[in-house]
C-alpha cells in the first residue's frame, strides 16, 4: 500500500493521463485495503485450531526471533527452545501469524532498519549491519520489496515516505 501511495504522490503525468493514473492508483489502493481487511478474518479462522499451549509456544518463538535480529537461528534450535518439533513450529507459526518464522524475522529486521534510518543516526550500510544483513545490496533489494522504495529515499526524505 505504501508503494501505491508513493507512486500516486510522485505522479509524473499531466492532464487526462494524470487523472486516469490517479484513478487506477485509487482502485489499486482500494483492492489492497480490501484484501488487508479480509486477512484478519482468515487468521481468526486458523488461530482457534491451535491449542493454547501451542499458541503460547509460537508467541515465545516470535519473541525469541525479535530479541536478537542479527543472529539467524536454526529452525531446529528455535523449535527445541520452545518445546516443539520443527515441522509443528513452522505449521503453528504460519497458522498464528500468517507467515513463516523467517518471514517474521525478515519483516522485523526491515521494520527496525526503517526506524534506524528515520532517526537519521545511521546510514543504509550501518542500518543493514545493525539488523543482521551482511550485504547492503541484498538489504536494499529486500527493503525495496517490503516497503516499495529504496532505503536511501527514507534517509533523504525522513518520515515523509510512509
N, C-alpha and C. Protein backbone atom coordinates (compact mmCIF):
# COMPACT_ATOMS: atom_id res chain seq x y z
N UNK A 1 0.83 -1.19 0.00
CA UNK A 1 0.00 0.00 0.00
C UNK A 1 0.87 1.25 0.00
N UNK A 2 1.99 1.17 0.75
CA UNK A 2 2.89 2.32 0.79
C UNK A 2 3.42 2.65 -0.60
N UNK A 3 3.72 1.60 -1.36
CA UNK A 3 4.25 1.82 -2.70
C UNK A 3 3.20 2.51 -3.58
N UNK A 4 1.95 2.10 -3.47
CA UNK A 4 0.87 2.71 -4.27
C UNK A 4 0.72 4.19 -3.91
N UNK A 5 0.74 4.48 -2.63
CA UNK A 5 0.63 5.87 -2.19
C UNK A 5 1.82 6.68 -2.69
N UNK A 6 3.00 6.10 -2.55
CA UNK A 6 4.21 6.79 -3.00
C UNK A 6 4.14 7.07 -4.51
N UNK A 7 3.70 6.08 -5.28
CA UNK A 7 3.57 6.26 -6.73
C UNK A 7 2.56 7.35 -7.06
N UNK A 8 1.46 7.38 -6.33
CA UNK A 8 0.44 8.41 -6.58
C UNK A 8 0.98 9.80 -6.27
N UNK A 9 1.74 9.91 -5.18
CA UNK A 9 2.30 11.20 -4.80
C UNK A 9 3.37 11.68 -5.78
N UNK A 10 4.02 10.73 -6.43
CA UNK A 10 5.09 11.06 -7.37
C UNK A 10 4.62 10.99 -8.83
N UNK A 11 3.34 11.14 -9.08
CA UNK A 11 2.77 11.01 -10.42
C UNK A 11 3.44 11.97 -11.41
N UNK A 12 4.04 11.41 -12.47
CA UNK A 12 4.75 12.25 -13.44
C UNK A 12 3.87 12.79 -14.57
N UNK A 13 2.60 12.41 -14.60
CA UNK A 13 1.74 12.74 -15.73
C UNK A 13 0.96 14.03 -15.50
N UNK A 14 0.38 14.54 -16.60
CA UNK A 14 -0.42 15.76 -16.58
C UNK A 14 -1.75 15.49 -17.29
N UNK A 15 -2.72 16.32 -17.00
CA UNK A 15 -4.00 16.31 -17.71
C UNK A 15 -4.78 15.02 -17.56
N UNK A 16 -5.34 14.54 -18.69
CA UNK A 16 -6.20 13.37 -18.71
C UNK A 16 -5.43 12.11 -18.28
N UNK A 17 -4.18 12.02 -18.70
CA UNK A 17 -3.38 10.85 -18.33
C UNK A 17 -3.17 10.81 -16.82
N UNK A 18 -2.96 11.97 -16.22
CA UNK A 18 -2.79 12.04 -14.75
C UNK A 18 -4.06 11.57 -14.05
N UNK A 19 -5.21 12.01 -14.56
CA UNK A 19 -6.48 11.62 -13.95
C UNK A 19 -6.67 10.11 -14.04
N UNK A 20 -6.39 9.53 -15.20
CA UNK A 20 -6.50 8.09 -15.39
C UNK A 20 -5.53 7.35 -14.47
N UNK A 21 -4.31 7.84 -14.37
CA UNK A 21 -3.29 7.23 -13.50
C UNK A 21 -3.76 7.27 -12.04
N UNK A 22 -4.26 8.42 -11.60
CA UNK A 22 -4.70 8.56 -10.20
C UNK A 22 -5.90 7.67 -9.90
N UNK A 23 -6.81 7.55 -10.86
CA UNK A 23 -7.96 6.66 -10.68
C UNK A 23 -7.51 5.20 -10.55
N UNK A 24 -6.53 4.81 -11.37
CA UNK A 24 -6.04 3.43 -11.31
C UNK A 24 -5.34 3.18 -9.97
N UNK A 25 -4.61 4.16 -9.46
CA UNK A 25 -3.94 4.00 -8.17
C UNK A 25 -4.98 3.94 -7.03
N UNK A 26 -6.05 4.71 -7.16
CA UNK A 26 -7.11 4.66 -6.15
C UNK A 26 -7.76 3.27 -6.12
N UNK A 27 -8.00 2.70 -7.29
CA UNK A 27 -8.57 1.35 -7.36
C UNK A 27 -7.60 0.31 -6.81
N UNK A 28 -6.32 0.47 -7.14
CA UNK A 28 -5.31 -0.46 -6.64
C UNK A 28 -5.23 -0.38 -5.11
N UNK A 29 -5.25 0.83 -4.58
CA UNK A 29 -5.21 1.03 -3.13
C UNK A 29 -6.44 0.39 -2.48
N UNK A 30 -7.60 0.60 -3.07
CA UNK A 30 -8.84 0.03 -2.55
C UNK A 30 -8.78 -1.50 -2.53
N UNK A 31 -8.27 -2.09 -3.61
CA UNK A 31 -8.15 -3.56 -3.68
C UNK A 31 -7.21 -4.08 -2.60
N UNK A 32 -6.08 -3.39 -2.40
CA UNK A 32 -5.14 -3.80 -1.36
C UNK A 32 -5.74 -3.67 0.03
N UNK A 33 -6.48 -2.60 0.26
CA UNK A 33 -7.10 -2.39 1.57
C UNK A 33 -8.16 -3.45 1.84
N UNK A 34 -8.96 -3.77 0.84
CA UNK A 34 -9.97 -4.81 1.00
C UNK A 34 -9.32 -6.16 1.29
N UNK A 35 -8.23 -6.46 0.61
CA UNK A 35 -7.50 -7.70 0.87
C UNK A 35 -6.98 -7.72 2.30
N UNK A 36 -6.47 -6.58 2.76
CA UNK A 36 -5.95 -6.47 4.12
C UNK A 36 -7.06 -6.67 5.15
N UNK A 37 -8.22 -6.14 4.88
CA UNK A 37 -9.34 -6.28 5.81
C UNK A 37 -9.83 -7.73 5.89
N UNK A 38 -9.68 -8.47 4.81
CA UNK A 38 -10.11 -9.87 4.81
C UNK A 38 -9.09 -10.78 5.47
N UNK A 39 -7.81 -10.40 5.46
CA UNK A 39 -6.75 -11.24 6.02
C UNK A 39 -6.97 -11.57 7.50
N UNK A 40 -7.32 -10.60 8.37
CA UNK A 40 -7.53 -10.96 9.77
C UNK A 40 -8.65 -11.99 9.96
N UNK A 41 -9.67 -11.95 9.13
CA UNK A 41 -10.75 -12.93 9.23
C UNK A 41 -10.20 -14.33 8.99
N UNK A 42 -9.31 -14.46 8.00
CA UNK A 42 -8.71 -15.75 7.70
C UNK A 42 -7.89 -16.22 8.89
N UNK A 43 -7.10 -15.33 9.48
CA UNK A 43 -6.28 -15.70 10.64
C UNK A 43 -7.15 -16.12 11.82
N UNK A 44 -8.27 -15.45 12.02
CA UNK A 44 -9.14 -15.81 13.13
C UNK A 44 -9.71 -17.21 12.94
N UNK A 45 -9.90 -17.61 11.70
CA UNK A 45 -10.40 -18.95 11.43
C UNK A 45 -9.31 -19.97 11.74
N UNK A 46 -8.05 -19.68 11.35
CA UNK A 46 -6.95 -20.62 11.56
C UNK A 46 -6.51 -20.69 13.02
N UNK A 47 -6.43 -19.56 13.70
CA UNK A 47 -5.87 -19.50 15.04
C UNK A 47 -6.62 -20.36 16.06
N UNK A 48 -7.96 -20.42 16.06
CA UNK A 48 -8.62 -21.26 17.05
C UNK A 48 -8.23 -22.73 16.96
N UNK A 49 -7.73 -23.18 15.80
CA UNK A 49 -7.33 -24.58 15.68
C UNK A 49 -6.07 -24.86 16.51
N UNK A 50 -5.37 -23.82 16.93
CA UNK A 50 -4.19 -24.00 17.76
C UNK A 50 -4.61 -24.16 19.22
N UNK A 51 -3.97 -25.09 19.87
CA UNK A 51 -4.21 -25.21 21.30
C UNK A 51 -3.52 -24.05 22.00
N UNK A 52 -3.99 -23.72 23.18
CA UNK A 52 -3.46 -22.57 23.91
C UNK A 52 -1.95 -22.71 24.16
N UNK A 53 -1.53 -23.91 24.54
CA UNK A 53 -0.10 -24.15 24.78
C UNK A 53 0.73 -23.95 23.53
N UNK A 54 0.21 -24.40 22.38
CA UNK A 54 0.92 -24.23 21.12
C UNK A 54 1.02 -22.75 20.76
N UNK A 55 -0.07 -22.03 20.97
CA UNK A 55 -0.07 -20.60 20.67
C UNK A 55 0.94 -19.87 21.55
N UNK A 56 1.02 -20.24 22.81
CA UNK A 56 2.00 -19.62 23.72
C UNK A 56 3.42 -19.93 23.27
N UNK A 57 3.66 -21.16 22.83
CA UNK A 57 5.00 -21.53 22.34
C UNK A 57 5.37 -20.74 21.09
N UNK A 58 4.39 -20.57 20.20
CA UNK A 58 4.63 -19.81 18.97
C UNK A 58 4.93 -18.35 19.30
N UNK A 59 4.18 -17.78 20.23
CA UNK A 59 4.45 -16.40 20.64
C UNK A 59 5.84 -16.27 21.27
N UNK A 60 6.22 -17.28 22.04
CA UNK A 60 7.56 -17.28 22.63
C UNK A 60 8.62 -17.35 21.53
N UNK A 61 8.39 -18.17 20.52
CA UNK A 61 9.32 -18.26 19.39
C UNK A 61 9.44 -16.91 18.68
N UNK A 62 8.31 -16.23 18.51
CA UNK A 62 8.33 -14.91 17.86
C UNK A 62 9.13 -13.92 18.70
N UNK A 63 8.98 -13.98 20.00
CA UNK A 63 9.72 -13.05 20.86
C UNK A 63 11.22 -13.38 20.82
N UNK A 64 11.57 -14.66 20.74
CA UNK A 64 12.98 -15.03 20.63
C UNK A 64 13.58 -14.52 19.32
N UNK A 65 12.80 -14.58 18.26
CA UNK A 65 13.27 -14.07 16.97
C UNK A 65 13.47 -12.56 17.03
N UNK A 66 12.58 -11.87 17.71
CA UNK A 66 12.63 -10.41 17.75
C UNK A 66 13.72 -9.88 18.68
N UNK A 67 14.14 -10.68 19.65
CA UNK A 67 15.14 -10.22 20.62
C UNK A 67 16.50 -10.00 19.97
N UNK A 68 16.92 -10.92 19.13
CA UNK A 68 18.24 -10.82 18.50
C UNK A 68 18.08 -10.86 16.99
N UNK A 69 17.95 -9.70 16.39
CA UNK A 69 17.72 -9.61 14.95
C UNK A 69 18.96 -9.97 14.14
N UNK A 70 20.13 -9.82 14.72
CA UNK A 70 21.37 -10.06 13.99
C UNK A 70 21.60 -11.56 13.79
N UNK A 71 21.32 -12.35 14.81
CA UNK A 71 21.56 -13.79 14.73
C UNK A 71 20.40 -14.47 14.03
N UNK A 72 20.72 -15.23 13.00
CA UNK A 72 19.70 -16.03 12.32
C UNK A 72 19.70 -17.40 12.96
N UNK A 73 18.63 -17.72 13.68
CA UNK A 73 18.62 -19.01 14.39
C UNK A 73 18.35 -20.17 13.45
N UNK A 74 18.81 -21.32 13.86
CA UNK A 74 18.49 -22.55 13.17
C UNK A 74 17.06 -22.91 13.57
N UNK A 75 16.23 -23.29 12.61
CA UNK A 75 14.83 -23.59 12.91
C UNK A 75 14.70 -24.75 13.89
N UNK A 76 15.57 -25.75 13.78
CA UNK A 76 15.54 -26.86 14.74
C UNK A 76 15.85 -26.36 16.15
N UNK A 77 16.84 -25.48 16.26
CA UNK A 77 17.23 -24.91 17.55
C UNK A 77 16.09 -24.09 18.15
N UNK A 78 15.46 -23.26 17.31
CA UNK A 78 14.34 -22.44 17.76
C UNK A 78 13.19 -23.33 18.24
N UNK A 79 12.89 -24.37 17.48
CA UNK A 79 11.81 -25.29 17.85
C UNK A 79 12.11 -25.97 19.18
N UNK A 80 13.33 -26.43 19.34
CA UNK A 80 13.71 -27.08 20.61
C UNK A 80 13.58 -26.12 21.78
N UNK A 81 13.97 -24.87 21.57
CA UNK A 81 13.94 -23.91 22.68
C UNK A 81 12.52 -23.58 23.14
N UNK A 82 11.53 -23.83 22.29
CA UNK A 82 10.14 -23.58 22.70
C UNK A 82 9.36 -24.88 22.94
N UNK A 83 10.05 -26.01 22.82
CA UNK A 83 9.43 -27.30 23.13
C UNK A 83 8.53 -27.85 22.04
N UNK A 84 8.92 -27.64 20.79
CA UNK A 84 8.14 -28.18 19.67
C UNK A 84 9.11 -28.81 18.67
N UNK A 85 8.57 -29.63 17.79
CA UNK A 85 9.39 -30.10 16.68
C UNK A 85 9.36 -29.04 15.58
N UNK A 86 10.32 -29.10 14.70
CA UNK A 86 10.48 -28.08 13.65
C UNK A 86 9.23 -27.95 12.78
N UNK A 87 8.70 -29.07 12.35
CA UNK A 87 7.53 -29.06 11.47
C UNK A 87 6.32 -28.44 12.15
N UNK A 88 6.11 -28.81 13.40
CA UNK A 88 4.96 -28.28 14.13
C UNK A 88 5.12 -26.78 14.38
N UNK A 89 6.33 -26.34 14.72
CA UNK A 89 6.57 -24.91 14.93
C UNK A 89 6.25 -24.15 13.66
N UNK A 90 6.75 -24.63 12.53
CA UNK A 90 6.52 -23.96 11.25
C UNK A 90 5.03 -23.87 10.95
N UNK A 91 4.32 -24.98 11.12
CA UNK A 91 2.88 -25.01 10.83
C UNK A 91 2.09 -24.11 11.78
N UNK A 92 2.40 -24.19 13.06
CA UNK A 92 1.68 -23.38 14.05
C UNK A 92 1.99 -21.89 13.89
N UNK A 93 3.25 -21.58 13.60
CA UNK A 93 3.65 -20.19 13.41
C UNK A 93 2.90 -19.60 12.22
N UNK A 94 2.84 -20.36 11.15
CA UNK A 94 2.13 -19.90 9.95
C UNK A 94 0.64 -19.72 10.23
N UNK A 95 0.09 -20.61 11.03
CA UNK A 95 -1.32 -20.51 11.38
C UNK A 95 -1.59 -19.28 12.25
N UNK A 96 -0.70 -18.99 13.18
CA UNK A 96 -0.90 -17.87 14.10
C UNK A 96 -0.60 -16.52 13.46
N UNK A 97 0.46 -16.44 12.68
CA UNK A 97 0.91 -15.14 12.14
C UNK A 97 0.67 -14.97 10.64
N UNK A 98 0.36 -16.05 9.96
CA UNK A 98 0.13 -15.96 8.52
C UNK A 98 1.41 -15.94 7.70
N UNK A 99 2.56 -16.07 8.35
CA UNK A 99 3.85 -16.09 7.67
C UNK A 99 4.76 -17.10 8.37
N UNK A 100 5.85 -17.43 7.72
CA UNK A 100 6.81 -18.37 8.31
C UNK A 100 7.65 -17.65 9.36
N UNK A 101 8.33 -18.40 10.22
CA UNK A 101 9.20 -17.76 11.21
C UNK A 101 10.27 -16.87 10.57
N UNK A 102 10.83 -17.28 9.47
CA UNK A 102 11.88 -16.48 8.85
C UNK A 102 11.32 -15.26 8.11
N UNK A 103 10.10 -15.36 7.60
CA UNK A 103 9.45 -14.16 7.05
C UNK A 103 9.21 -13.16 8.18
N UNK A 104 8.80 -13.68 9.33
CA UNK A 104 8.58 -12.82 10.51
C UNK A 104 9.88 -12.12 10.90
N UNK A 105 10.98 -12.88 10.94
CA UNK A 105 12.28 -12.30 11.29
C UNK A 105 12.69 -11.24 10.27
N UNK A 106 12.54 -11.54 9.00
CA UNK A 106 12.90 -10.58 7.95
C UNK A 106 12.08 -9.30 8.09
N UNK A 107 10.78 -9.42 8.32
CA UNK A 107 9.93 -8.25 8.47
C UNK A 107 10.34 -7.41 9.66
N UNK A 108 10.64 -8.05 10.79
CA UNK A 108 11.11 -7.30 11.98
C UNK A 108 12.43 -6.60 11.70
N UNK A 109 13.32 -7.28 10.99
CA UNK A 109 14.60 -6.67 10.64
C UNK A 109 14.39 -5.42 9.79
N UNK A 110 13.57 -5.54 8.77
CA UNK A 110 13.35 -4.41 7.87
C UNK A 110 12.64 -3.26 8.57
N UNK A 111 11.67 -3.57 9.41
CA UNK A 111 10.96 -2.50 10.13
C UNK A 111 11.88 -1.80 11.13
N UNK A 112 12.77 -2.56 11.77
CA UNK A 112 13.73 -1.95 12.69
C UNK A 112 14.72 -1.08 11.93
N UNK A 113 15.18 -1.57 10.79
CA UNK A 113 16.10 -0.78 9.96
C UNK A 113 15.44 0.52 9.52
N UNK A 114 14.15 0.45 9.19
CA UNK A 114 13.41 1.65 8.80
C UNK A 114 13.44 2.67 9.93
N UNK A 115 13.25 2.22 11.16
CA UNK A 115 13.29 3.14 12.31
C UNK A 115 14.67 3.76 12.45
N UNK A 116 15.72 2.96 12.30
CA UNK A 116 17.08 3.49 12.38
C UNK A 116 17.32 4.57 11.33
N UNK A 117 16.82 4.31 10.13
CA UNK A 117 17.02 5.27 9.03
C UNK A 117 16.23 6.54 9.25
N UNK A 118 15.02 6.40 9.74
CA UNK A 118 14.19 7.58 10.00
C UNK A 118 14.76 8.44 11.11
N UNK A 119 15.38 7.80 12.10
CA UNK A 119 16.01 8.57 13.18
C UNK A 119 17.20 9.38 12.67
N UNK A 120 17.76 8.93 11.55
CA UNK A 120 18.86 9.66 10.92
C UNK A 120 20.21 9.45 11.57
N UNK A 121 20.29 8.50 12.48
CA UNK A 121 21.56 8.26 13.17
C UNK A 121 22.41 7.22 12.45
N UNK A 122 21.85 6.54 11.47
CA UNK A 122 22.59 5.52 10.73
C UNK A 122 22.39 5.71 9.24
N UNK A 123 23.42 5.37 8.47
CA UNK A 123 23.24 5.34 7.02
C UNK A 123 22.74 3.95 6.64
N UNK A 124 22.53 3.71 5.37
CA UNK A 124 21.94 2.46 4.91
C UNK A 124 22.81 1.26 5.29
N UNK A 125 24.10 1.36 5.07
CA UNK A 125 25.00 0.25 5.38
C UNK A 125 25.01 -0.07 6.87
N UNK A 126 25.05 0.96 7.69
CA UNK A 126 25.04 0.76 9.14
C UNK A 126 23.73 0.12 9.60
N UNK A 127 22.62 0.60 9.07
CA UNK A 127 21.31 0.04 9.44
C UNK A 127 21.22 -1.42 9.01
N UNK A 128 21.71 -1.73 7.81
CA UNK A 128 21.69 -3.11 7.32
C UNK A 128 22.48 -4.02 8.25
N UNK A 129 23.67 -3.60 8.62
CA UNK A 129 24.50 -4.41 9.54
C UNK A 129 23.86 -4.53 10.91
N UNK A 130 23.25 -3.46 11.39
CA UNK A 130 22.65 -3.46 12.73
C UNK A 130 21.50 -4.45 12.87
N UNK A 131 20.85 -4.78 11.76
CA UNK A 131 19.72 -5.72 11.82
C UNK A 131 20.05 -7.09 11.22
N UNK A 132 21.34 -7.33 10.94
CA UNK A 132 21.74 -8.67 10.54
C UNK A 132 21.98 -8.93 9.07
N UNK A 133 21.97 -7.91 8.24
CA UNK A 133 22.27 -8.11 6.82
C UNK A 133 23.76 -7.87 6.60
N UNK A 134 24.44 -8.84 6.02
CA UNK A 134 25.86 -8.68 5.75
C UNK A 134 26.10 -8.03 4.38
N UNK A 135 25.10 -8.06 3.53
CA UNK A 135 25.22 -7.49 2.19
C UNK A 135 24.28 -6.28 2.06
N UNK A 136 24.85 -5.07 1.94
CA UNK A 136 24.00 -3.89 1.76
C UNK A 136 23.12 -3.96 0.51
N UNK A 137 23.63 -4.59 -0.56
CA UNK A 137 22.83 -4.67 -1.78
C UNK A 137 21.63 -5.61 -1.59
N UNK A 138 21.82 -6.72 -0.87
CA UNK A 138 20.71 -7.62 -0.59
C UNK A 138 19.70 -6.94 0.34
N UNK A 139 20.21 -6.20 1.31
CA UNK A 139 19.34 -5.44 2.21
C UNK A 139 18.49 -4.45 1.41
N UNK A 140 19.13 -3.72 0.50
CA UNK A 140 18.42 -2.73 -0.32
C UNK A 140 17.32 -3.40 -1.14
N UNK A 141 17.63 -4.56 -1.71
CA UNK A 141 16.64 -5.29 -2.51
C UNK A 141 15.45 -5.72 -1.63
N UNK A 142 15.74 -6.27 -0.45
CA UNK A 142 14.68 -6.71 0.45
C UNK A 142 13.85 -5.52 0.95
N UNK A 143 14.51 -4.42 1.26
CA UNK A 143 13.84 -3.21 1.74
C UNK A 143 12.89 -2.69 0.67
N UNK A 144 13.37 -2.61 -0.55
CA UNK A 144 12.55 -2.12 -1.67
C UNK A 144 11.34 -3.01 -1.88
N UNK A 145 11.55 -4.31 -1.79
CA UNK A 145 10.43 -5.24 -1.99
C UNK A 145 9.39 -5.09 -0.87
N UNK A 146 9.84 -4.88 0.36
CA UNK A 146 8.93 -4.81 1.50
C UNK A 146 8.22 -3.46 1.60
N UNK A 147 8.96 -2.36 1.43
CA UNK A 147 8.39 -1.03 1.63
C UNK A 147 7.97 -0.34 0.33
N UNK A 148 8.52 -0.76 -0.81
CA UNK A 148 8.16 -0.14 -2.08
C UNK A 148 9.05 1.02 -2.49
N UNK A 149 10.08 1.30 -1.73
CA UNK A 149 11.04 2.34 -2.08
C UNK A 149 12.39 1.97 -1.48
N UNK A 150 13.42 2.62 -1.98
CA UNK A 150 14.78 2.32 -1.54
C UNK A 150 15.07 2.89 -0.15
N UNK A 151 15.93 2.24 0.61
CA UNK A 151 16.25 2.76 1.94
C UNK A 151 16.91 4.14 1.90
N UNK A 152 17.63 4.44 0.86
CA UNK A 152 18.25 5.76 0.71
C UNK A 152 17.21 6.86 0.61
N UNK A 153 16.06 6.56 0.02
CA UNK A 153 14.98 7.53 -0.08
C UNK A 153 14.41 7.83 1.31
N UNK A 154 14.41 6.84 2.16
CA UNK A 154 13.94 7.03 3.52
C UNK A 154 14.87 7.98 4.27
N UNK A 155 16.16 7.83 4.05
CA UNK A 155 17.15 8.70 4.72
C UNK A 155 16.99 10.14 4.25
N UNK A 156 16.82 10.32 2.96
CA UNK A 156 16.74 11.67 2.42
C UNK A 156 15.44 12.37 2.77
N UNK A 157 14.34 11.60 2.80
CA UNK A 157 13.05 12.24 2.99
C UNK A 157 12.57 12.16 4.42
N UNK A 158 13.31 11.44 5.27
CA UNK A 158 12.89 11.33 6.67
C UNK A 158 11.58 10.60 6.79
N UNK A 159 10.67 11.14 7.56
CA UNK A 159 9.40 10.44 7.81
C UNK A 159 8.33 10.78 6.80
N UNK A 160 8.67 11.49 5.72
CA UNK A 160 7.63 11.85 4.76
C UNK A 160 7.20 10.67 3.90
N UNK A 161 8.04 9.63 3.75
CA UNK A 161 7.67 8.45 2.99
C UNK A 161 7.15 7.41 3.95
N UNK A 162 5.87 7.05 3.84
CA UNK A 162 5.31 6.03 4.74
C UNK A 162 4.37 5.15 4.02
